[in-house]
N, C-alpha and C. Protein backbone atom coordinates (compact mmCIF):
# COMPACT_ATOMS: atom_id res chain seq x y z
N MET A 1 -37.08 87.87 103.65
CA MET A 1 -36.86 88.64 104.83
C MET A 1 -37.64 87.85 105.89
N ALA A 2 -38.47 86.91 105.64
CA ALA A 2 -39.30 86.26 106.66
C ALA A 2 -38.42 85.62 107.75
N GLY A 3 -37.23 85.12 107.33
CA GLY A 3 -36.33 84.47 108.29
C GLY A 3 -35.61 85.47 109.34
N LEU A 4 -35.78 86.72 108.97
CA LEU A 4 -35.05 87.76 109.78
C LEU A 4 -36.04 88.32 110.95
N GLY A 5 -37.30 87.73 110.99
CA GLY A 5 -38.18 88.38 111.97
C GLY A 5 -38.07 87.61 113.27
N PRO A 6 -38.79 87.99 114.35
CA PRO A 6 -38.64 87.34 115.67
C PRO A 6 -39.33 85.98 115.62
N ASP A 7 -38.94 85.10 116.57
CA ASP A 7 -39.50 83.77 116.81
C ASP A 7 -40.89 83.94 117.12
N PRO A 8 -41.86 83.31 116.24
CA PRO A 8 -43.18 83.52 116.51
C PRO A 8 -43.71 83.16 117.99
N ALA A 9 -43.05 82.18 118.65
CA ALA A 9 -43.42 81.96 120.08
C ALA A 9 -43.16 83.03 120.97
N LEU A 10 -42.21 84.01 120.58
CA LEU A 10 -41.85 85.09 121.44
C LEU A 10 -42.70 86.34 121.18
N ILE A 11 -43.42 86.39 120.04
CA ILE A 11 -44.05 87.60 119.61
C ILE A 11 -44.90 88.36 120.57
N PRO A 12 -45.87 87.66 121.35
CA PRO A 12 -46.60 88.30 122.24
C PRO A 12 -45.81 88.90 123.45
N TYR A 13 -44.73 88.27 123.82
CA TYR A 13 -43.92 88.85 124.86
C TYR A 13 -43.11 89.94 124.36
N LEU A 14 -42.46 89.92 123.23
CA LEU A 14 -41.77 91.01 122.75
C LEU A 14 -42.49 92.26 122.45
N TYR A 15 -43.74 91.97 121.97
CA TYR A 15 -44.72 93.13 121.71
C TYR A 15 -45.14 93.85 123.04
N GLY A 16 -45.22 92.93 124.12
CA GLY A 16 -45.61 93.40 125.41
C GLY A 16 -44.51 94.25 125.90
N VAL A 17 -43.24 93.85 125.77
CA VAL A 17 -42.06 94.53 126.21
C VAL A 17 -42.00 95.90 125.59
N ALA A 18 -42.30 95.95 124.37
CA ALA A 18 -42.18 97.20 123.53
C ALA A 18 -43.27 98.23 124.07
N VAL A 19 -44.50 97.64 124.29
CA VAL A 19 -45.64 98.57 124.83
C VAL A 19 -45.16 99.14 126.18
N LEU A 20 -44.79 98.14 127.06
CA LEU A 20 -44.36 98.66 128.37
C LEU A 20 -43.22 99.66 128.47
N MET A 21 -42.20 99.33 127.50
CA MET A 21 -41.15 100.31 127.42
C MET A 21 -41.46 101.58 126.91
N THR A 22 -42.25 101.68 125.88
CA THR A 22 -42.63 102.99 125.35
C THR A 22 -43.74 103.72 126.36
N ALA A 23 -44.50 102.89 127.01
CA ALA A 23 -45.42 103.60 128.07
C ALA A 23 -44.55 104.22 129.15
N ALA A 24 -43.53 103.59 129.65
CA ALA A 24 -42.64 104.12 130.70
C ALA A 24 -41.94 105.41 130.03
N ALA A 25 -41.43 105.22 128.79
CA ALA A 25 -40.81 106.40 128.16
C ALA A 25 -41.74 107.56 127.96
N ALA A 26 -42.97 107.34 127.77
CA ALA A 26 -43.93 108.33 127.56
C ALA A 26 -44.08 109.12 128.84
N LEU A 27 -44.13 108.31 129.93
CA LEU A 27 -44.46 108.90 131.29
C LEU A 27 -43.16 109.75 131.68
N THR A 28 -41.96 109.23 131.58
CA THR A 28 -40.81 110.04 131.91
C THR A 28 -40.58 111.21 130.95
N ASP A 29 -40.95 111.04 129.70
CA ASP A 29 -40.75 112.22 128.76
C ASP A 29 -41.80 113.31 129.08
N ALA A 30 -42.96 112.88 129.50
CA ALA A 30 -43.98 113.94 129.84
C ALA A 30 -43.60 114.72 131.17
N ARG A 31 -43.02 113.88 131.99
CA ARG A 31 -42.59 114.67 133.35
C ARG A 31 -41.34 115.36 133.25
N SER A 32 -40.31 114.86 132.72
CA SER A 32 -39.15 115.47 132.72
C SER A 32 -38.51 115.93 131.38
N GLY A 33 -39.10 115.60 130.22
CA GLY A 33 -38.58 115.93 128.95
C GLY A 33 -37.36 115.00 128.53
N HIS A 34 -37.31 113.93 129.21
CA HIS A 34 -36.08 113.15 129.10
C HIS A 34 -36.47 111.71 129.10
N ILE A 35 -35.93 110.85 128.12
CA ILE A 35 -36.21 109.54 128.11
C ILE A 35 -34.85 108.80 128.55
N PRO A 36 -34.79 108.25 129.82
CA PRO A 36 -33.53 107.73 130.33
C PRO A 36 -32.87 106.61 129.63
N ASN A 37 -31.55 106.54 129.78
CA ASN A 37 -30.71 105.54 129.14
C ASN A 37 -31.11 104.13 129.76
N TRP A 38 -31.42 104.10 131.05
CA TRP A 38 -31.59 102.90 131.70
C TRP A 38 -32.98 102.17 131.07
N LEU A 39 -33.75 102.93 130.43
CA LEU A 39 -34.90 102.41 129.68
C LEU A 39 -34.62 101.94 128.34
N THR A 40 -33.80 102.60 127.64
CA THR A 40 -33.50 102.27 126.17
C THR A 40 -32.29 101.42 125.95
N LEU A 41 -31.17 101.55 126.65
CA LEU A 41 -30.02 100.78 126.38
C LEU A 41 -30.04 99.26 126.60
N PRO A 42 -30.70 98.87 127.76
CA PRO A 42 -30.84 97.37 128.03
C PRO A 42 -31.57 96.59 126.83
N PRO A 43 -32.65 97.14 126.30
CA PRO A 43 -33.36 96.49 125.24
C PRO A 43 -32.50 96.53 123.90
N ILE A 44 -31.70 97.44 123.78
CA ILE A 44 -30.80 97.60 122.54
C ILE A 44 -29.80 96.55 122.66
N VAL A 45 -29.44 96.03 123.77
CA VAL A 45 -28.37 95.09 123.85
C VAL A 45 -29.09 93.81 123.98
N ILE A 46 -30.07 93.55 124.82
CA ILE A 46 -30.68 92.27 125.11
C ILE A 46 -31.48 91.87 123.92
N GLY A 47 -32.15 92.77 123.34
CA GLY A 47 -33.04 92.26 122.19
C GLY A 47 -32.19 91.50 121.12
N PRO A 48 -31.14 91.97 120.47
CA PRO A 48 -30.45 91.10 119.48
C PRO A 48 -29.94 89.72 120.19
N LEU A 49 -29.50 89.86 121.42
CA LEU A 49 -29.13 88.59 122.11
C LEU A 49 -30.25 87.49 122.28
N VAL A 50 -31.43 88.05 122.64
CA VAL A 50 -32.47 87.10 122.72
C VAL A 50 -32.88 86.48 121.35
N HIS A 51 -32.86 87.32 120.41
CA HIS A 51 -33.17 87.00 119.01
C HIS A 51 -32.11 86.00 118.42
N GLY A 52 -30.85 86.25 118.69
CA GLY A 52 -29.69 85.36 118.48
C GLY A 52 -29.86 84.03 119.08
N MET A 53 -30.22 83.94 120.32
CA MET A 53 -30.41 82.77 121.10
C MET A 53 -31.55 81.93 120.54
N THR A 54 -32.71 82.58 120.16
CA THR A 54 -33.93 81.88 119.82
C THR A 54 -33.91 81.66 118.27
N GLY A 55 -33.31 82.50 117.55
CA GLY A 55 -33.35 82.39 116.00
C GLY A 55 -32.10 82.28 115.30
N GLY A 56 -31.07 81.98 116.11
CA GLY A 56 -29.66 81.80 115.50
C GLY A 56 -29.20 83.02 114.85
N LEU A 57 -28.41 82.95 113.91
CA LEU A 57 -27.69 84.03 113.24
C LEU A 57 -28.67 84.86 112.61
N SER A 58 -29.67 84.36 111.89
CA SER A 58 -30.67 85.11 111.20
C SER A 58 -31.48 86.01 112.09
N GLY A 59 -31.68 85.39 113.41
CA GLY A 59 -32.53 86.21 114.35
C GLY A 59 -31.65 87.43 114.90
N LEU A 60 -30.37 87.08 115.10
CA LEU A 60 -29.47 88.15 115.64
C LEU A 60 -29.39 89.28 114.54
N LEU A 61 -29.11 88.74 113.23
CA LEU A 61 -28.98 89.84 112.16
C LEU A 61 -30.28 90.60 111.84
N GLY A 62 -31.41 89.90 112.06
CA GLY A 62 -32.67 90.68 111.82
C GLY A 62 -32.90 91.74 112.86
N SER A 63 -32.55 91.40 114.08
CA SER A 63 -32.60 92.41 115.26
C SER A 63 -31.70 93.62 115.08
N LEU A 64 -30.42 93.21 114.60
CA LEU A 64 -29.49 94.26 114.41
C LEU A 64 -29.79 95.08 113.21
N LEU A 65 -30.42 94.54 112.14
CA LEU A 65 -30.79 95.26 110.98
C LEU A 65 -31.93 96.23 111.30
N GLY A 66 -32.86 95.77 112.16
CA GLY A 66 -33.90 96.61 112.60
C GLY A 66 -33.47 97.76 113.43
N LEU A 67 -32.51 97.51 114.23
CA LEU A 67 -31.89 98.54 115.11
C LEU A 67 -31.22 99.59 114.21
N VAL A 68 -30.48 99.22 113.24
CA VAL A 68 -29.70 100.11 112.30
C VAL A 68 -30.66 100.94 111.45
N VAL A 69 -31.56 100.17 110.79
CA VAL A 69 -32.51 100.88 109.83
C VAL A 69 -33.37 101.82 110.56
N CYS A 70 -33.96 101.27 111.71
CA CYS A 70 -34.92 102.22 112.45
C CYS A 70 -34.25 103.27 113.20
N GLY A 71 -32.92 103.28 113.41
CA GLY A 71 -32.19 104.25 114.07
C GLY A 71 -31.61 105.34 113.20
N ALA A 72 -31.53 104.98 111.88
CA ALA A 72 -30.80 105.90 110.87
C ALA A 72 -31.57 107.20 110.69
N VAL A 73 -32.70 107.23 110.39
CA VAL A 73 -33.41 108.58 110.12
C VAL A 73 -33.55 109.39 111.46
N PRO A 74 -33.95 108.72 112.57
CA PRO A 74 -34.00 109.57 113.80
C PRO A 74 -32.58 110.03 114.11
N LEU A 75 -31.45 109.24 113.86
CA LEU A 75 -30.17 109.76 114.23
C LEU A 75 -29.76 110.89 113.35
N LEU A 76 -30.07 110.84 112.07
CA LEU A 76 -29.88 112.02 111.19
C LEU A 76 -30.71 113.16 111.71
N MET A 77 -31.87 113.01 112.14
CA MET A 77 -32.67 114.12 112.72
C MET A 77 -32.07 114.64 113.92
N PHE A 78 -31.44 113.78 114.78
CA PHE A 78 -30.72 114.12 116.12
C PHE A 78 -29.58 115.09 115.73
N TRP A 79 -28.86 114.62 114.69
CA TRP A 79 -27.63 115.39 114.37
C TRP A 79 -27.95 116.84 113.74
N ARG A 80 -29.18 116.96 113.14
CA ARG A 80 -29.62 118.13 112.70
C ARG A 80 -30.31 119.08 113.72
N GLY A 81 -30.57 118.54 114.97
CA GLY A 81 -31.13 119.29 115.90
C GLY A 81 -32.64 119.11 115.98
N GLY A 82 -33.23 118.17 115.25
CA GLY A 82 -34.67 118.03 115.12
C GLY A 82 -35.26 116.97 116.01
N MET A 83 -34.57 116.18 116.85
CA MET A 83 -34.93 115.12 117.75
C MET A 83 -34.01 114.99 118.86
N ALA A 84 -34.61 114.60 119.95
CA ALA A 84 -33.69 114.32 121.13
C ALA A 84 -33.13 112.83 121.13
N GLY A 85 -32.02 112.67 121.70
CA GLY A 85 -31.36 111.40 121.75
C GLY A 85 -32.15 110.23 122.29
N GLY A 86 -32.87 110.45 123.32
CA GLY A 86 -33.73 109.43 123.91
C GLY A 86 -34.74 108.97 122.95
N ASP A 87 -35.36 109.74 122.07
CA ASP A 87 -36.21 109.32 121.11
C ASP A 87 -35.51 108.46 120.07
N VAL A 88 -34.33 108.77 119.74
CA VAL A 88 -33.49 108.10 118.73
C VAL A 88 -33.27 106.61 119.28
N LYS A 89 -32.84 106.52 120.65
CA LYS A 89 -32.53 105.24 121.16
C LYS A 89 -33.84 104.36 121.41
N LEU A 90 -34.95 105.11 121.67
CA LEU A 90 -36.31 104.41 121.87
C LEU A 90 -36.71 103.82 120.56
N PHE A 91 -36.60 104.34 119.39
CA PHE A 91 -36.94 103.86 118.15
C PHE A 91 -35.99 102.67 117.88
N GLY A 92 -34.78 102.70 118.18
CA GLY A 92 -33.80 101.69 117.95
C GLY A 92 -34.15 100.48 118.82
N ALA A 93 -34.46 100.77 120.10
CA ALA A 93 -34.84 99.72 121.07
C ALA A 93 -36.16 98.99 120.57
N ILE A 94 -37.14 99.66 120.00
CA ILE A 94 -38.39 99.06 119.64
C ILE A 94 -37.91 98.07 118.50
N ALA A 95 -37.16 98.45 117.54
CA ALA A 95 -36.80 97.57 116.45
C ALA A 95 -35.99 96.42 116.85
N ALA A 96 -35.02 96.67 117.84
CA ALA A 96 -34.16 95.53 118.37
C ALA A 96 -34.92 94.53 118.96
N VAL A 97 -36.02 95.04 119.75
CA VAL A 97 -36.94 93.99 120.43
C VAL A 97 -37.88 93.32 119.52
N CYS A 98 -38.55 94.08 118.69
CA CYS A 98 -39.75 93.60 117.86
C CYS A 98 -39.30 93.29 116.39
N GLY A 99 -38.18 93.68 115.88
CA GLY A 99 -37.77 93.49 114.58
C GLY A 99 -38.00 94.67 113.63
N LEU A 100 -37.59 94.45 112.45
CA LEU A 100 -37.58 95.69 111.49
C LEU A 100 -39.07 96.09 111.11
N ASP A 101 -39.84 95.09 110.82
CA ASP A 101 -41.16 95.40 110.35
C ASP A 101 -42.03 96.17 111.40
N VAL A 102 -41.97 95.73 112.62
CA VAL A 102 -42.75 96.45 113.74
C VAL A 102 -42.01 97.82 113.98
N GLY A 103 -40.66 97.78 114.00
CA GLY A 103 -39.90 99.02 114.20
C GLY A 103 -40.31 100.20 113.20
N LEU A 104 -40.35 99.81 111.87
CA LEU A 104 -40.64 100.86 110.89
C LEU A 104 -42.10 101.18 110.93
N GLU A 105 -43.00 100.20 111.24
CA GLU A 105 -44.41 100.57 111.37
C GLU A 105 -44.69 101.42 112.62
N SER A 106 -44.13 101.12 113.70
CA SER A 106 -44.28 102.02 114.86
C SER A 106 -43.67 103.33 114.64
N GLN A 107 -42.55 103.49 114.09
CA GLN A 107 -41.93 104.73 113.77
C GLN A 107 -42.83 105.54 112.87
N PHE A 108 -43.37 104.98 111.68
CA PHE A 108 -44.21 105.76 110.78
C PHE A 108 -45.46 106.23 111.66
N LEU A 109 -46.10 105.41 112.36
CA LEU A 109 -47.31 105.73 113.07
C LEU A 109 -47.01 106.77 114.16
N SER A 110 -45.77 106.68 114.78
CA SER A 110 -45.40 107.65 115.81
C SER A 110 -45.39 109.09 115.24
N PHE A 111 -44.83 109.10 113.91
CA PHE A 111 -44.71 110.39 113.42
C PHE A 111 -46.07 110.91 112.87
N VAL A 112 -46.93 110.05 112.47
CA VAL A 112 -48.25 110.39 112.12
C VAL A 112 -49.08 111.02 113.30
N VAL A 113 -48.95 110.30 114.46
CA VAL A 113 -49.50 110.70 115.65
C VAL A 113 -49.06 112.08 116.14
N ALA A 114 -47.73 112.16 116.09
CA ALA A 114 -47.03 113.43 116.42
C ALA A 114 -47.44 114.59 115.58
N GLY A 115 -47.54 114.38 114.30
CA GLY A 115 -48.03 115.31 113.34
C GLY A 115 -49.48 115.78 113.48
N ILE A 116 -50.26 114.81 113.73
CA ILE A 116 -51.79 115.19 114.10
C ILE A 116 -51.84 116.06 115.51
N TYR A 117 -51.03 115.57 116.43
CA TYR A 117 -51.21 116.25 117.77
C TYR A 117 -50.53 117.68 117.52
N ALA A 118 -49.44 117.76 116.82
CA ALA A 118 -48.89 119.14 116.63
C ALA A 118 -49.78 120.00 115.90
N LEU A 119 -50.42 119.61 114.89
CA LEU A 119 -51.31 120.42 114.05
C LEU A 119 -52.53 120.82 114.99
N GLY A 120 -53.03 120.00 115.69
CA GLY A 120 -54.19 120.17 116.63
C GLY A 120 -53.77 121.22 117.71
N ARG A 121 -52.62 121.13 118.30
CA ARG A 121 -52.13 121.97 119.35
C ARG A 121 -51.86 123.42 118.82
N LEU A 122 -51.31 123.49 117.52
CA LEU A 122 -51.01 124.83 117.00
C LEU A 122 -52.44 125.47 116.65
N ALA A 123 -53.30 124.70 116.11
CA ALA A 123 -54.65 125.22 115.73
C ALA A 123 -55.27 125.79 117.05
N TRP A 124 -55.27 125.01 118.13
CA TRP A 124 -55.82 125.34 119.40
C TRP A 124 -55.24 126.75 120.00
N GLN A 125 -53.93 126.85 119.79
CA GLN A 125 -53.24 128.06 120.16
C GLN A 125 -53.39 129.19 119.31
N GLY A 126 -53.92 129.01 118.10
CA GLY A 126 -54.11 130.06 117.06
C GLY A 126 -52.73 130.38 116.30
N LYS A 127 -51.78 129.41 116.27
CA LYS A 127 -50.50 129.58 115.63
C LYS A 127 -50.37 128.69 114.44
N LEU A 128 -51.35 128.03 114.06
CA LEU A 128 -51.19 127.14 112.89
C LEU A 128 -50.70 127.72 111.68
N LEU A 129 -51.36 128.70 111.15
CA LEU A 129 -51.03 129.38 109.89
C LEU A 129 -49.68 129.96 109.93
N GLN A 130 -49.35 130.59 111.03
CA GLN A 130 -48.10 131.22 111.20
C GLN A 130 -46.89 130.16 111.17
N THR A 131 -47.17 129.10 111.82
CA THR A 131 -46.20 128.05 111.96
C THR A 131 -46.07 127.37 110.52
N LEU A 132 -47.22 127.19 109.72
CA LEU A 132 -47.10 126.60 108.52
C LEU A 132 -46.38 127.58 107.52
N GLY A 133 -46.54 128.83 107.62
CA GLY A 133 -45.83 129.76 106.88
C GLY A 133 -44.24 129.71 107.12
N ASN A 134 -43.90 129.66 108.47
CA ASN A 134 -42.59 129.54 108.85
C ASN A 134 -41.88 128.26 108.20
N SER A 135 -42.74 127.28 108.21
CA SER A 135 -42.21 125.89 107.67
C SER A 135 -42.00 126.09 106.12
N VAL A 136 -42.92 126.64 105.48
CA VAL A 136 -42.68 126.89 103.92
C VAL A 136 -41.45 127.81 103.79
N ALA A 137 -41.26 128.81 104.64
CA ALA A 137 -40.07 129.72 104.49
C ALA A 137 -38.76 129.01 104.75
N LEU A 138 -38.77 128.25 105.74
CA LEU A 138 -37.51 127.35 106.06
C LEU A 138 -37.24 126.41 105.03
N GLY A 139 -38.33 125.80 104.34
CA GLY A 139 -38.21 124.80 103.32
C GLY A 139 -37.58 125.55 102.06
N LEU A 140 -38.09 126.69 101.76
CA LEU A 140 -37.74 127.40 100.53
C LEU A 140 -36.34 128.18 100.72
N ASN A 141 -35.93 128.52 101.86
CA ASN A 141 -34.77 129.32 102.03
C ASN A 141 -33.48 128.79 101.26
N PRO A 142 -33.29 127.55 101.23
CA PRO A 142 -31.96 126.99 100.67
C PRO A 142 -31.99 127.30 99.24
N ILE A 143 -33.19 127.31 98.55
CA ILE A 143 -33.17 127.47 97.04
C ILE A 143 -33.41 128.91 96.70
N LEU A 144 -33.76 129.76 97.45
CA LEU A 144 -34.05 131.13 97.26
C LEU A 144 -32.72 131.93 97.19
N PRO A 145 -32.67 133.01 96.27
CA PRO A 145 -31.63 133.86 96.39
C PRO A 145 -31.44 134.56 97.79
N GLN A 146 -30.24 134.93 98.15
CA GLN A 146 -29.95 135.50 99.54
C GLN A 146 -31.01 136.65 99.83
N ARG A 147 -31.28 137.55 98.91
CA ARG A 147 -32.13 138.71 99.18
C ARG A 147 -33.54 138.28 99.45
N PHE A 148 -34.09 137.16 99.15
CA PHE A 148 -35.37 136.75 99.28
C PHE A 148 -35.57 135.79 100.46
N ARG A 149 -34.47 135.41 101.11
CA ARG A 149 -34.57 134.40 102.23
C ARG A 149 -35.11 135.12 103.49
N ARG A 150 -35.87 134.35 104.17
CA ARG A 150 -36.60 135.00 105.41
C ARG A 150 -35.84 134.26 106.64
N THR A 151 -35.52 135.31 107.58
CA THR A 151 -34.95 134.73 108.88
C THR A 151 -36.17 134.42 109.73
N ILE A 152 -36.11 133.17 110.40
CA ILE A 152 -37.08 132.82 111.34
C ILE A 152 -36.47 132.94 112.79
N SER A 153 -37.05 133.74 113.62
CA SER A 153 -36.58 133.89 114.90
C SER A 153 -36.83 132.64 115.72
N PRO A 154 -35.98 132.29 116.61
CA PRO A 154 -36.07 131.03 117.36
C PRO A 154 -37.35 130.90 118.20
N GLU A 155 -37.82 132.01 118.67
CA GLU A 155 -39.10 131.93 119.47
C GLU A 155 -40.23 131.60 118.61
N LEU A 156 -40.25 131.59 117.39
CA LEU A 156 -41.27 131.26 116.58
C LEU A 156 -41.32 129.76 116.29
N LEU A 157 -40.20 128.98 116.55
CA LEU A 157 -40.12 127.65 116.30
C LEU A 157 -40.70 126.88 117.51
N HIS A 158 -41.34 125.87 117.20
CA HIS A 158 -41.96 125.03 118.27
C HIS A 158 -41.19 123.67 118.46
N SER A 159 -41.16 123.07 119.66
CA SER A 159 -40.72 121.71 119.84
C SER A 159 -41.80 120.92 120.46
N LEU A 160 -41.71 119.58 120.29
CA LEU A 160 -42.68 118.62 120.69
C LEU A 160 -42.02 117.38 121.37
N ARG A 161 -42.44 117.05 122.53
CA ARG A 161 -41.96 115.85 123.05
C ARG A 161 -42.64 114.60 122.37
N LEU A 162 -41.84 113.65 122.00
CA LEU A 162 -42.25 112.59 121.16
C LEU A 162 -42.55 111.29 121.99
N GLY A 163 -42.30 111.19 123.19
CA GLY A 163 -42.59 110.00 123.98
C GLY A 163 -43.94 109.47 123.92
N GLY A 164 -44.91 110.34 124.01
CA GLY A 164 -46.35 109.94 123.99
C GLY A 164 -46.73 109.43 122.66
N ALA A 165 -46.27 110.13 121.61
CA ALA A 165 -46.51 109.66 120.24
C ALA A 165 -45.92 108.40 119.92
N ILE A 166 -44.69 108.16 120.35
CA ILE A 166 -44.02 106.87 120.21
C ILE A 166 -44.73 105.79 120.85
N PHE A 167 -45.22 105.98 122.07
CA PHE A 167 -45.99 105.11 122.77
C PHE A 167 -47.37 104.75 121.91
N ALA A 168 -48.03 105.81 121.49
CA ALA A 168 -49.33 105.49 120.82
C ALA A 168 -49.00 104.88 119.41
N GLY A 169 -47.97 105.26 118.68
CA GLY A 169 -47.63 104.58 117.46
C GLY A 169 -47.23 103.17 117.60
N THR A 170 -46.50 102.87 118.64
CA THR A 170 -46.19 101.54 119.01
C THR A 170 -47.36 100.65 119.35
N LEU A 171 -48.23 101.26 120.18
CA LEU A 171 -49.44 100.47 120.54
C LEU A 171 -50.26 100.25 119.49
N ILE A 172 -50.54 101.10 118.50
CA ILE A 172 -51.28 100.88 117.28
C ILE A 172 -50.71 99.68 116.43
N ALA A 173 -49.42 99.88 116.21
CA ALA A 173 -48.68 98.86 115.43
C ALA A 173 -48.77 97.39 116.02
N VAL A 174 -48.53 97.39 117.27
CA VAL A 174 -48.54 96.07 118.04
C VAL A 174 -50.01 95.48 118.08
N TYR A 175 -51.01 96.43 118.42
CA TYR A 175 -52.31 95.90 118.36
C TYR A 175 -52.75 95.29 117.09
N GLY A 176 -52.46 96.04 115.93
CA GLY A 176 -52.74 95.44 114.72
C GLY A 176 -52.13 94.00 114.46
N ARG A 177 -50.83 93.93 114.80
CA ARG A 177 -50.23 92.77 114.56
C ARG A 177 -50.52 91.67 115.46
N LEU A 178 -50.87 91.99 116.65
CA LEU A 178 -51.42 90.91 117.62
C LEU A 178 -52.72 90.42 117.17
N GLN A 179 -53.58 91.24 116.69
CA GLN A 179 -54.88 90.84 116.30
C GLN A 179 -54.61 89.73 115.11
N ALA A 180 -53.84 90.10 114.17
CA ALA A 180 -53.57 89.12 113.02
C ALA A 180 -52.85 87.88 113.58
N PHE A 181 -52.07 88.05 114.54
CA PHE A 181 -51.31 86.88 115.10
C PHE A 181 -52.29 85.86 115.79
N PHE A 182 -53.15 86.40 116.69
CA PHE A 182 -54.07 85.51 117.28
C PHE A 182 -55.19 85.04 116.41
N LEU A 183 -55.58 85.70 115.45
CA LEU A 183 -56.72 85.43 114.49
C LEU A 183 -56.18 84.38 113.44
N LEU A 184 -55.06 84.68 112.94
CA LEU A 184 -54.47 83.91 111.82
C LEU A 184 -53.45 82.82 112.28
N GLY A 185 -52.94 82.95 113.51
CA GLY A 185 -52.09 81.94 114.14
C GLY A 185 -50.61 82.13 113.61
N SER A 186 -50.31 83.20 112.96
CA SER A 186 -48.92 83.32 112.46
C SER A 186 -48.46 84.68 112.69
């Protein structure tokens, strides 16, 4: 899989693009609750083209593989109503620009950051235990007999904007990789 990664000469620039892109997405998401297409679609198109021009067919395929793999789970979550479309495109854009490894790492770290933030916010609001109970009930509902299923009212469900968490997760992933890149030279 080493041949499918980005050209080493481009790594600092690609990572810089990813950080700037996710920072802009975090700002727009915080202000409007929306991550605009003008921010996510160009990297999804340009990323594979740049990788194809610098790394040939393997560069192009690596970028496209990252886009598909890192977009698959968020897309499924979007279809199930658990994530916004801008978040899905942002995860895909990160992978299209930085490759599969960084895409997966930033996605994982983004979900960790979002989880920690959500638990902290719910604890601060005094709703943590109630929300955890609702989560257990929602998870058990499909396997319980109809008479034991619990209905969760929509006002008890909480949503979370992921733009800031995606920025933080990408920043952590990129920082760690850039440290290794500059210290080890690869």
